Amino acid sequence: MVDSTIRLTAGSPTIEFEYTVGPIPIADGQGKEIISRFHTDIQSQSTWYTDSNGREWQQRVRNSRPTWKWNPTQPVAGNYYPCNVGMWLADSEAAMSILNDRSQGCASMDDGDLEFMVHRRTLMDDGRGVGQAINETGLDGRGLITTGIHYLSFAAPSQIAAVTRPLQSRVYSYLHTAYAPFSGSVSDWLKTHNTEFTAINTELPANVDLMSFYKSARDEVIVRLAHNFGVGEDSVLSQPVTVDLAQLFAARFVPTSITEVSLTNNQTPEDIVNGKLKWNIRNDNEDRSNKQPRYQMDGTKITLQPAQIRTFVFSY
């Protein structure tokens, strides 16, 4: 029912836990929920963090809600939260982060512990509106089988983001490899084909991801760059970073013009700023001296603020 492989890679700060779970037996008439729990002696003081749609981290506190007093009549279910990319916890000495390769429920039911719900099969409806049990039987009628990988990392509390964020991009949006039919010898193929190519001319900064690079219907190329660190996550990597778009790609991809657009490519930055509702919420005592404009562009050089994603149209 459960199979697990632990993988250590030379030079990698991460331990991979690959699992296969299922089918879950129900011959005893009992539904079951299978979790993967990681236990440490980290004194996390009932606090851990989960990702917010893969971007910033959301603080979670066991048996607590930030805006109202909660009576934990269901202490397990009430402490489970959605986890799309990963979660972490820390004390003053150490931090542990775990990234998952698919969305799962997660919790920290004891200090130093992190757990994921990896599979479940229930025989009764929970009364939450679906009106049926979670009892998918699969093609053979025995139940579903699920697989996945958890990526475990340890670091000093001040370094956990520097370890987790670069790995997050590979886990959440990993590369897919495809192969065309092949005939003939490898040596003949190497003589007639270029087997190495990169469109990147300049290596991106450690805190910047290339999220999109694709051709639109108008023969333009849509490019999205993301600052993958949030505010205050790292003393160095959370700082604003500047990238020269004209120097980013190989010569064949250098554009004749670059236009910034909204994330969905249907507005300009000016449209976004001018279209915002003007709420009367200013606090005259607020220090705004360190506020940075969201859209800085000097020729082809752009500045990304922490956690910011910016989209550009390259014309050729």
Protein backbone atom coordinates (compact mmCIF):
# COMPACT_ATOMS: atom_id res chain seq x y z
CA MET A 1 0.00 0.00 0.00
CA VAL A 2 2.92 2.36 0.74
CA ASP A 3 6.30 2.49 -0.98
CA SER A 4 8.95 5.13 -0.31
CA THR A 5 12.35 6.04 -1.79
CA ILE A 6 14.77 8.46 -0.12
CA ARG A 7 17.17 10.10 -2.54
CA LEU A 8 20.37 12.02 -1.71
CA THR A 9 22.18 13.82 -4.54
CA ALA A 10 25.84 14.82 -4.27
CA GLY A 11 26.18 18.59 -3.90
CA SER A 12 22.48 19.14 -3.28
CA PRO A 13 21.21 20.63 0.02
CA THR A 14 17.91 18.77 -0.45
CA ILE A 15 16.68 15.30 0.47
CA GLU A 16 14.00 13.86 -1.83
CA PHE A 17 11.27 11.62 -0.40
CA GLU A 18 9.43 9.91 -3.27
CA TYR A 19 6.30 7.99 -2.32
CA THR A 20 3.68 5.74 -3.85
CA VAL A 21 0.50 5.22 -1.82
CA GLY A 22 -2.52 3.08 -2.61
CA PRO A 23 -4.82 1.52 -3.25
CA ILE A 24 -6.15 2.14 0.26
CA PRO A 25 -7.93 -1.01 1.55
CA ILE A 26 -11.43 -0.66 2.95
CA ALA A 27 -12.34 -4.30 3.57
CA ASP A 28 -12.53 -3.51 7.30
CA GLY A 29 -15.26 -0.95 6.63
CA GLN A 30 -13.05 1.95 7.75
CA GLY A 31 -12.02 4.96 5.71
CA LYS A 32 -8.40 6.10 6.01
CA GLU A 33 -6.27 9.22 5.57
CA ILE A 34 -2.57 8.73 4.84
CA ILE A 35 -0.12 11.44 5.89
CA SER A 36 3.62 11.97 5.56
CA ARG A 37 5.03 13.49 8.77
CA PHE A 38 8.49 14.97 9.32
CA HIS A 39 9.60 15.29 12.95
CA THR A 40 12.42 17.48 14.31
CA ASP A 41 13.37 19.07 17.64
CA ILE A 42 12.88 22.60 16.25
CA GLN A 43 10.99 24.69 18.82
CA SER A 44 8.56 26.32 16.39
CA GLN A 45 6.21 27.67 19.07
CA SER A 46 3.01 26.54 17.29
CA THR A 47 3.95 28.57 14.20
CA TRP A 48 4.67 27.54 10.63
CA TYR A 49 4.32 29.04 7.16
CA THR A 50 2.58 27.93 3.97
CA ASP A 51 2.85 29.45 0.52
CA SER A 52 0.24 31.84 -0.84
CA ASN A 53 -0.30 30.63 -4.42
CA GLY A 54 3.40 29.87 -4.67
CA ARG A 55 4.51 33.45 -4.03
CA GLU A 56 4.64 34.91 -0.53
CA TRP A 57 4.47 32.99 2.75
CA GLN A 58 1.41 32.98 5.01
CA GLN A 59 1.90 32.58 8.76
CA ARG A 60 -0.12 29.83 10.45
CA VAL A 61 -0.55 29.46 14.22
CA ARG A 62 -1.92 26.24 15.69
CA ASN A 63 -5.41 26.50 17.21
CA SER A 64 -5.59 30.19 16.40
CA ARG A 65 -7.09 32.62 13.95
CA PRO A 66 -5.64 36.12 13.35
CA THR A 67 -8.90 38.07 13.56
CA TRP A 68 -11.24 36.10 15.80
CA LYS A 69 -11.24 33.71 18.78
CA TRP A 70 -11.54 30.14 17.58
CA ASN A 71 -12.90 27.19 19.55
CA PRO A 72 -10.98 24.14 18.18
CA THR A 73 -13.73 21.55 18.23
CA GLN A 74 -11.99 19.82 15.30
CA PRO A 75 -8.29 20.28 16.17
CA VAL A 76 -6.90 18.26 13.26
CA ALA A 77 -9.11 19.45 10.41
CA GLY A 78 -9.10 22.98 11.81
CA ASN A 79 -5.31 23.17 11.60
CA TYR A 80 -4.97 21.89 8.04
CA TYR A 81 -4.24 24.46 5.34
CA PRO A 82 -3.84 24.35 1.54
CA CYS A 83 -0.27 23.97 0.36
CA ASN A 84 0.52 24.51 -3.33
CA VAL A 85 4.32 24.69 -3.24
CA GLY A 86 5.63 24.15 0.27
CA MET A 87 5.83 25.04 3.95
CA TRP A 88 8.47 25.70 6.58
CA LEU A 89 9.05 26.28 10.27
CA ALA A 90 11.94 27.60 12.35
CA ASP A 91 13.30 28.58 15.73
CA SER A 92 16.31 30.74 16.61
CA GLU A 93 18.78 27.97 15.68
CA ALA A 94 17.45 26.10 12.65
CA ALA A 95 14.76 25.98 9.98
CA MET A 96 13.18 23.17 7.98
CA SER A 97 11.35 23.59 4.68
CA ILE A 98 9.48 21.00 2.61
CA LEU A 99 8.35 21.55 -0.96
CA ASN A 100 5.66 19.42 -2.57
CA ASP A 101 5.23 18.77 -6.28
CA ARG A 102 1.41 18.94 -6.15
CA SER A 103 -1.21 20.74 -4.08
CA GLN A 104 -1.92 19.03 -0.76
CA GLY A 105 -3.30 19.76 2.68
CA CYS A 106 -0.69 20.39 5.35
CA ALA A 107 -0.37 21.04 9.09
CA SER A 108 1.99 21.27 12.05
CA MET A 109 0.22 19.43 14.84
CA ASP A 110 3.22 19.54 17.18
CA ASP A 111 6.21 21.85 17.45
CA GLY A 112 8.96 20.78 15.04
CA ASP A 113 6.57 18.66 12.98
CA LEU A 114 5.30 19.20 9.44
CA GLU A 115 2.85 16.85 7.76
CA PHE A 116 1.14 16.47 4.39
CA MET A 117 -2.04 14.64 3.49
CA VAL A 118 -0.84 12.44 0.63
CA HIS A 119 -3.90 10.21 0.09
CA ARG A 120 -7.32 9.55 1.56
CA ARG A 121 -10.30 7.26 1.05
CA THR A 122 -13.43 7.78 3.14
CA LEU A 123 -16.70 5.88 3.28
CA MET A 124 -18.94 8.58 4.74
CA ASP A 125 -19.88 12.08 3.60
CA ASP A 126 -18.46 14.80 5.85
CA GLY A 127 -21.58 16.96 5.64
CA ARG A 128 -19.73 19.82 3.95
CA GLY A 129 -21.91 20.05 0.84
CA VAL A 130 -20.49 17.51 -1.61
CA GLY A 131 -23.01 14.86 -0.66
CA GLN A 132 -20.75 11.87 -1.23
CA ALA A 133 -17.80 10.08 0.29
CA ILE A 134 -14.26 10.34 -1.09
CA ASN A 135 -14.21 6.80 -2.43
CA GLU A 136 -12.94 6.76 -6.00
CA THR A 137 -12.40 3.15 -7.00
CA GLY A 138 -10.26 3.52 -10.12
CA LEU A 139 -10.39 1.37 -13.25
CA ASP A 140 -9.83 -1.91 -11.40
CA GLY A 141 -12.26 -1.11 -8.59
CA ARG A 142 -9.56 -1.40 -5.91
CA GLY A 143 -8.99 2.34 -5.35
CA LEU A 144 -6.62 5.01 -6.59
CA ILE A 145 -2.82 5.04 -6.41
CA THR A 146 -0.98 8.33 -5.95
CA THR A 147 2.69 9.22 -6.28
CA GLY A 148 4.71 12.34 -5.49
CA ILE A 149 7.91 13.80 -4.10
CA HIS A 150 8.64 15.91 -1.03
CA TYR A 151 11.83 17.97 -1.05
CA LEU A 152 13.30 18.48 2.43
CA SER A 153 15.88 21.16 3.28
CA PHE A 154 17.52 22.39 6.49
CA ALA A 155 19.23 25.73 6.94
CA ALA A 156 19.87 28.54 9.37
CA PRO A 157 16.69 30.63 9.82
CA SER A 158 18.20 33.57 7.94
CA GLN A 159 19.14 31.31 4.99
CA ILE A 160 16.01 29.20 4.57
CA ALA A 161 14.60 31.41 1.80
CA ALA A 162 17.90 31.35 -0.10
CA VAL A 163 17.76 27.53 -0.04
CA THR A 164 14.04 27.12 -0.71
CA ARG A 165 13.23 29.74 -3.34
CA PRO A 166 15.59 28.53 -6.14
CA LEU A 167 14.42 24.95 -5.63
CA GLN A 168 10.79 26.05 -5.63
CA SER A 169 10.96 27.08 -9.28
CA ARG A 170 12.26 23.66 -10.34
CA VAL A 171 9.71 21.76 -8.28
CA TYR A 172 6.67 23.87 -9.16
CA SER A 173 7.41 24.28 -12.87
CA TYR A 174 9.92 21.65 -13.85
CA LEU A 175 11.12 21.10 -17.41
CA HIS A 176 9.54 18.43 -19.59
CA THR A 177 11.79 16.56 -22.02
CA ALA A 178 10.50 15.29 -25.36
CA TYR A 179 12.27 13.20 -28.00
CA ALA A 180 11.65 12.85 -31.74
CA PRO A 181 12.00 9.50 -33.56
CA PHE A 182 15.65 8.70 -34.27
CA SER A 183 17.29 6.66 -36.98
CA GLY A 184 20.89 6.21 -38.03
CA SER A 185 23.98 6.47 -35.87
CA VAL A 186 24.71 8.93 -33.09
CA SER A 187 27.96 10.02 -34.77
CA ASP A 188 26.12 10.92 -38.00
CA TRP A 189 23.53 12.88 -36.05
CA LEU A 190 26.23 14.86 -34.23
CA LYS A 191 27.84 15.81 -37.56
CA THR A 192 24.65 17.30 -38.98
CA HIS A 193 22.84 18.75 -35.95
CA ASN A 194 23.52 21.34 -33.29
CA THR A 195 23.01 19.54 -29.97
CA GLU A 196 23.58 22.52 -27.67
CA PHE A 197 21.71 25.82 -27.71
CA THR A 198 20.56 28.46 -25.27
CA ALA A 199 18.43 31.53 -25.94
CA ILE A 200 19.80 33.20 -22.79
CA ASN A 201 22.73 35.49 -23.45
CA THR A 202 23.23 36.72 -19.87
CA GLU A 203 22.68 34.66 -16.77
CA LEU A 204 19.74 35.88 -14.74
CA PRO A 205 20.33 37.11 -11.18
CA ALA A 206 19.81 34.47 -8.51
CA ASN A 207 16.55 36.08 -7.38
CA VAL A 208 14.92 36.40 -10.83
CA ASP A 209 12.99 33.75 -12.78
CA LEU A 210 12.08 33.70 -16.47
CA MET A 211 8.44 32.65 -16.15
CA SER A 212 7.31 32.97 -19.78
CA PHE A 213 8.89 33.17 -23.21
CA TYR A 214 6.44 32.38 -25.98
CA LYS A 215 5.32 33.63 -29.35
CA SER A 216 1.93 35.32 -29.60
CA ALA A 217 -0.53 35.22 -32.49
CA ARG A 218 0.83 38.60 -33.69
CA ASP A 219 4.37 37.23 -34.11
CA GLU A 220 5.44 38.96 -30.91
CA VAL A 221 7.18 37.32 -27.98
CA ILE A 222 5.68 37.56 -24.49
CA VAL A 223 8.31 37.64 -21.73
CA ARG A 224 7.55 37.48 -18.02
CA LEU A 225 10.18 38.00 -15.35
CA ALA A 226 9.55 37.41 -11.64
CA HIS A 227 11.39 38.43 -8.50
CA ASN A 228 11.06 35.18 -6.57
CA PHE A 229 11.84 36.53 -3.08
CA GLY A 230 9.37 38.32 -0.85
CA VAL A 231 9.99 41.38 1.28
CA GLY A 232 12.38 40.67 4.15
CA GLU A 233 12.94 36.99 3.31
CA ASP A 234 16.66 37.44 2.72
CA SER A 235 18.97 40.34 3.57
CA VAL A 236 20.48 40.36 0.06
CA LEU A 237 18.19 38.44 -2.30
CA SER A 238 15.04 40.31 -1.21
CA GLN A 239 16.42 43.61 -2.50
CA PRO A 240 15.16 45.16 -5.79
CA VAL A 241 17.10 43.87 -8.79
CA THR A 242 17.76 45.41 -12.22
CA VAL A 243 17.81 43.44 -15.49
CA ASP A 244 18.76 44.69 -18.96
CA LEU A 245 16.21 43.16 -21.33
CA ALA A 246 18.26 44.00 -24.43
CA GLN A 247 21.19 41.97 -23.12
CA LEU A 248 19.15 39.07 -21.80
CA PHE A 249 18.69 36.93 -24.91
CA ALA A 250 20.91 35.68 -27.72
CA ALA A 251 21.43 37.86 -30.81
CA ARG A 252 18.68 36.21 -32.85
CA PHE A 253 16.16 37.14 -30.13
CA VAL A 254 17.15 40.80 -29.65
CA PRO A 255 13.93 42.82 -30.26
CA THR A 256 13.43 46.04 -32.19
CA SER A 257 11.12 47.35 -29.45
CA ILE A 258 10.02 46.40 -25.94
CA THR A 259 6.64 47.37 -24.47
CA GLU A 260 5.57 46.69 -20.91
CA VAL A 261 2.04 45.38 -20.41
CA SER A 262 -0.04 44.06 -17.54
CA LEU A 263 0.36 40.50 -16.33
CA THR A 264 -2.46 39.38 -18.63
CA ASN A 265 -1.18 41.43 -21.60
CA ASN A 266 -4.30 43.58 -21.97
CA GLN A 267 -3.28 46.90 -20.33
CA THR A 268 -0.32 49.20 -20.03
CA PRO A 269 1.20 50.10 -16.63
CA GLU A 270 -0.32 53.58 -17.03
CA ASP A 271 -3.77 52.03 -17.48
CA ILE A 272 -3.29 50.03 -14.30
CA VAL A 273 -2.17 53.01 -12.20
CA ASN A 274 -4.81 55.39 -13.59
CA GLY A 275 -7.59 52.81 -13.30
CA LYS A 276 -7.11 52.13 -9.62
CA LEU A 277 -9.75 53.29 -7.19
CA LYS A 278 -8.52 56.20 -5.08
CA TRP A 279 -9.29 55.24 -1.50
CA ASN A 280 -9.00 57.89 1.21
CA ILE A 281 -6.78 55.83 3.54
CA ARG A 282 -3.63 57.96 3.79
CA ASN A 283 -2.04 58.21 7.19
CA ASP A 284 -0.23 61.54 7.48
CA ASN A 285 2.19 59.98 9.97
CA GLU A 286 3.21 57.18 7.62
CA ASP A 287 6.82 57.23 6.40
CA ARG A 288 6.72 56.93 2.60
CA SER A 289 10.36 57.81 1.99
CA ASN A 290 11.26 54.22 1.12
CA LYS A 291 8.31 53.52 -1.18
CA GLN A 292 9.51 52.34 -4.59
CA PRO A 293 7.56 52.86 -7.83
CA ARG A 294 6.25 49.58 -9.17
CA TYR A 295 7.22 50.25 -12.78
CA GLN A 296 10.79 51.46 -13.24
CA MET A 297 12.25 51.33 -16.75
CA ASP A 298 15.41 53.08 -17.94
CA GLY A 299 15.73 52.37 -21.65
CA THR A 300 15.83 48.58 -21.73
CA LYS A 301 16.75 48.23 -18.04
CA ILE A 302 13.93 47.30 -15.69
CA THR A 303 13.81 47.01 -11.90
CA LEU A 304 11.91 44.23 -10.16
CA GLN A 305 10.65 44.77 -6.62
CA PRO A 306 10.36 41.81 -4.18
CA ALA A 307 7.67 39.31 -5.29
CA GLN A 308 6.91 41.38 -8.39
CA ILE A 309 6.10 39.87 -11.80
CA ARG A 310 6.44 42.08 -14.89
CA THR A 311 5.35 41.29 -18.45
CA PHE A 312 6.85 42.61 -21.68
CA VAL A 313 6.04 42.34 -25.39
CA PHE A 314 9.09 41.93 -27.63
CA SER A 315 8.56 43.05 -31.22
CA TYR A 316 10.85 41.99 -34.07
